[in-house]
Amino acid sequence: MHLSDSRDQAIDDCTYGLPDFSRYFGAAGFVPLANTVEGTQSSREFVEQYAAKGNCCIGTPDDAIAHIEDLLHRSGGFGTLLLLGHDWAPPPATFHSYELFARAVIPYFKGQLAAPRASHEWARGKRDQLIGRAGEAVVKAITEHVAEQGEAGS
């Protein structure tokens, strides 16, 4: 992911290192998605095509929010998103990208985990009761299975 104030600027930023990243990691097989753009083109065209594949987000904070929302929708949800320090852009642009992510993207998702956290706390509070019931259910299932196997073998 790389963010800037405009999608056009983000694409320009990534001409700095994304083509080299893709050639290096894609050719070595370390990052299978890195070699999704083929053919000879300018660095800018390469970055545009790479971003268009949807395997990453190169754009604005709003683009990042939409990208993460799509990931959440397609995956059913997740607890952590890791960003790769990939050197696609010059250091000042990379630092600006991190700042945009921190100031615009993270606040959007604040509270996103409230329901899963509440569910976890509820389960922790009822742990002994739930573990007891789960244990009873396991023992019952094993007992029934053994009985069925005994009847089948008779």
Protein backbone atom coordinates (compact mmCIF):
# COMPACT_ATOMS: atom_id res chain seq x y z
CA MET A 1 0.00 0.00 0.00
CA HIS A 2 1.21 3.48 -0.83
CA LEU A 3 -0.83 6.62 -0.25
CA SER A 4 -0.51 10.22 -1.33
CA ASP A 5 -2.70 13.30 -1.59
CA SER A 6 -3.83 12.24 -5.07
CA ARG A 7 -3.87 8.93 -6.93
CA ASP A 8 -1.75 10.51 -9.65
CA GLN A 9 0.92 11.51 -7.12
CA ALA A 10 0.86 8.05 -5.51
CA ILE A 11 1.48 6.46 -8.91
CA ASP A 12 4.33 8.89 -9.60
CA ASP A 13 5.81 8.11 -6.17
CA CYS A 14 5.79 4.38 -6.88
CA THR A 15 7.72 4.69 -10.13
CA TYR A 16 10.72 5.10 -7.79
CA GLY A 17 10.86 1.48 -6.68
CA LEU A 18 7.82 -0.65 -7.55
CA PRO A 19 9.11 -1.88 -10.92
CA ASP A 20 12.40 -3.01 -9.33
CA PHE A 21 10.53 -4.58 -6.38
CA SER A 22 8.33 -6.51 -8.78
CA ARG A 23 11.19 -7.72 -10.95
CA TYR A 24 13.29 -8.78 -7.96
CA PHE A 25 10.65 -10.48 -5.83
CA GLY A 26 8.49 -11.71 -8.70
CA ALA A 27 11.38 -13.34 -10.55
CA ALA A 28 12.59 -15.04 -7.37
CA GLY A 29 9.10 -16.33 -6.65
CA PHE A 30 9.02 -14.79 -3.16
CA VAL A 31 5.99 -12.65 -3.87
CA PRO A 32 3.78 -14.43 -6.41
CA LEU A 33 1.61 -11.37 -6.97
CA ALA A 34 4.67 -9.24 -7.75
CA ASN A 35 4.97 -10.47 -11.32
CA THR A 36 1.40 -9.89 -12.45
CA VAL A 37 2.30 -7.16 -14.96
CA GLU A 38 4.09 -8.31 -18.07
CA GLY A 39 5.52 -6.62 -21.11
CA THR A 40 7.64 -3.57 -21.66
CA GLN A 41 6.24 -0.20 -20.70
CA SER A 42 7.23 2.97 -18.91
CA SER A 43 7.59 2.87 -15.13
CA ARG A 44 4.39 4.89 -14.80
CA GLU A 45 2.43 2.53 -17.04
CA PHE A 46 3.82 -0.40 -15.07
CA VAL A 47 2.66 1.11 -11.75
CA GLU A 48 -0.77 1.95 -13.19
CA GLN A 49 -1.23 -1.63 -14.43
CA TYR A 50 0.08 -3.08 -11.17
CA ALA A 51 -2.38 -1.00 -9.14
CA ALA A 52 -5.23 -1.87 -11.51
CA LYS A 53 -4.76 -5.58 -10.76
CA GLY A 54 -6.17 -4.94 -7.27
CA ASN A 55 -3.44 -6.82 -5.44
CA CYS A 56 -2.37 -3.66 -3.67
CA CYS A 57 -3.59 -0.14 -3.07
CA ILE A 58 -1.78 2.79 -4.65
CA GLY A 59 -3.81 5.93 -4.21
CA THR A 60 -5.42 8.20 -1.63
CA PRO A 61 -6.63 7.51 1.91
CA ASP A 62 -10.14 7.10 0.47
CA ASP A 63 -8.78 4.46 -1.91
CA ALA A 64 -7.16 2.69 1.06
CA ILE A 65 -10.43 2.70 2.99
CA ALA A 66 -12.27 1.23 -0.01
CA HIS A 67 -9.52 -1.38 -0.49
CA ILE A 68 -9.64 -2.45 3.15
CA GLU A 69 -13.45 -2.50 3.14
CA ASP A 70 -13.27 -4.82 0.12
CA LEU A 71 -10.78 -7.09 1.92
CA LEU A 72 -13.07 -7.17 4.96
CA HIS A 73 -16.07 -8.02 2.79
CA ARG A 74 -14.30 -10.74 0.79
CA SER A 75 -12.62 -12.34 3.82
CA GLY A 76 -15.47 -12.11 6.29
CA GLY A 77 -13.30 -9.95 8.56
CA PHE A 78 -9.91 -9.94 10.19
CA GLY A 79 -8.26 -8.43 13.24
CA THR A 80 -4.98 -7.06 11.93
CA LEU A 81 -3.75 -5.48 8.71
CA LEU A 82 0.00 -5.47 8.19
CA LEU A 83 1.68 -2.94 5.92
CA LEU A 84 4.87 -3.92 4.15
CA GLY A 85 7.82 -1.51 4.21
CA HIS A 86 8.52 -2.04 0.52
CA ASP A 87 10.50 1.02 -0.66
CA TRP A 88 8.19 1.56 -3.63
CA ALA A 89 8.45 5.32 -3.13
CA PRO A 90 11.25 7.68 -2.03
CA PRO A 91 11.62 7.90 1.77
CA PRO A 92 9.86 11.29 2.18
CA ALA A 93 6.88 10.03 0.15
CA THR A 94 6.83 6.78 2.13
CA PHE A 95 6.77 8.69 5.43
CA HIS A 96 3.94 10.86 4.07
CA SER A 97 2.06 7.69 3.10
CA TYR A 98 2.38 6.36 6.66
CA GLU A 99 1.19 9.70 8.03
CA LEU A 100 -1.86 9.70 5.74
CA PHE A 101 -2.66 6.15 6.80
CA ALA A 102 -2.38 7.08 10.47
CA ARG A 103 -4.39 10.30 10.21
CA ALA A 104 -7.10 9.33 7.72
CA VAL A 105 -7.42 5.55 7.41
CA ILE A 106 -6.96 4.28 10.96
CA PRO A 107 -9.54 6.67 12.46
CA TYR A 108 -12.11 5.46 9.93
CA PHE A 109 -11.76 1.91 11.22
CA LYS A 110 -11.67 2.78 14.94
CA GLY A 111 -14.41 0.83 16.66
CA GLN A 112 -14.49 -1.75 13.87
CA LEU A 113 -13.50 -4.46 16.35
CA ALA A 114 -15.96 -3.44 19.08
CA ALA A 115 -18.38 -6.30 18.40
CA PRO A 116 -15.72 -9.07 18.19
CA ARG A 117 -14.06 -7.72 21.34
CA ALA A 118 -17.38 -7.66 23.19
CA SER A 119 -18.06 -11.23 22.07
CA HIS A 120 -14.63 -12.31 23.28
CA GLU A 121 -15.16 -10.64 26.65
CA TRP A 122 -18.56 -12.33 26.95
CA ALA A 123 -17.00 -15.73 26.21
CA ARG A 124 -14.19 -15.08 28.70
CA GLY A 125 -16.75 -14.23 31.36
CA LYS A 126 -18.64 -17.48 30.74
CA ARG A 127 -15.53 -19.61 30.17
CA ASP A 128 -16.10 -22.10 32.97
CA GLN A 129 -19.74 -22.61 32.05
CA LEU A 130 -18.97 -22.95 28.33
CA ILE A 131 -15.97 -25.25 28.82
CA GLY A 132 -18.08 -27.50 31.04
CA ARG A 133 -20.81 -27.78 28.43
CA ALA A 134 -18.29 -28.28 25.63
CA GLY A 135 -16.56 -31.04 27.59
CA GLU A 136 -19.88 -32.76 28.26
CA ALA A 137 -20.77 -32.56 24.56
CA VAL A 138 -17.43 -34.07 23.54
CA VAL A 139 -17.76 -36.95 26.02
CA LYS A 140 -21.35 -37.56 24.85
CA ALA A 141 -20.28 -37.61 21.18
CA ILE A 142 -17.44 -40.03 21.91
CA THR A 143 -19.72 -42.30 23.93
CA GLU A 144 -22.34 -42.34 21.18
CA HIS A 145 -19.68 -43.02 18.54
CA VAL A 146 -18.25 -45.93 20.52
CA ALA A 147 -21.76 -47.35 20.99
CA GLU A 148 -22.47 -47.04 17.25
CA GLN A 149 -19.19 -48.75 16.40
CA GLY A 150 -20.03 -51.56 18.82
CA GLU A 151 -23.45 -52.05 17.22
CA ALA A 152 -21.97 -51.97 13.72
CA GLY A 153 -19.36 -54.57 14.65
CA SER A 154 -21.90 -56.98 16.15
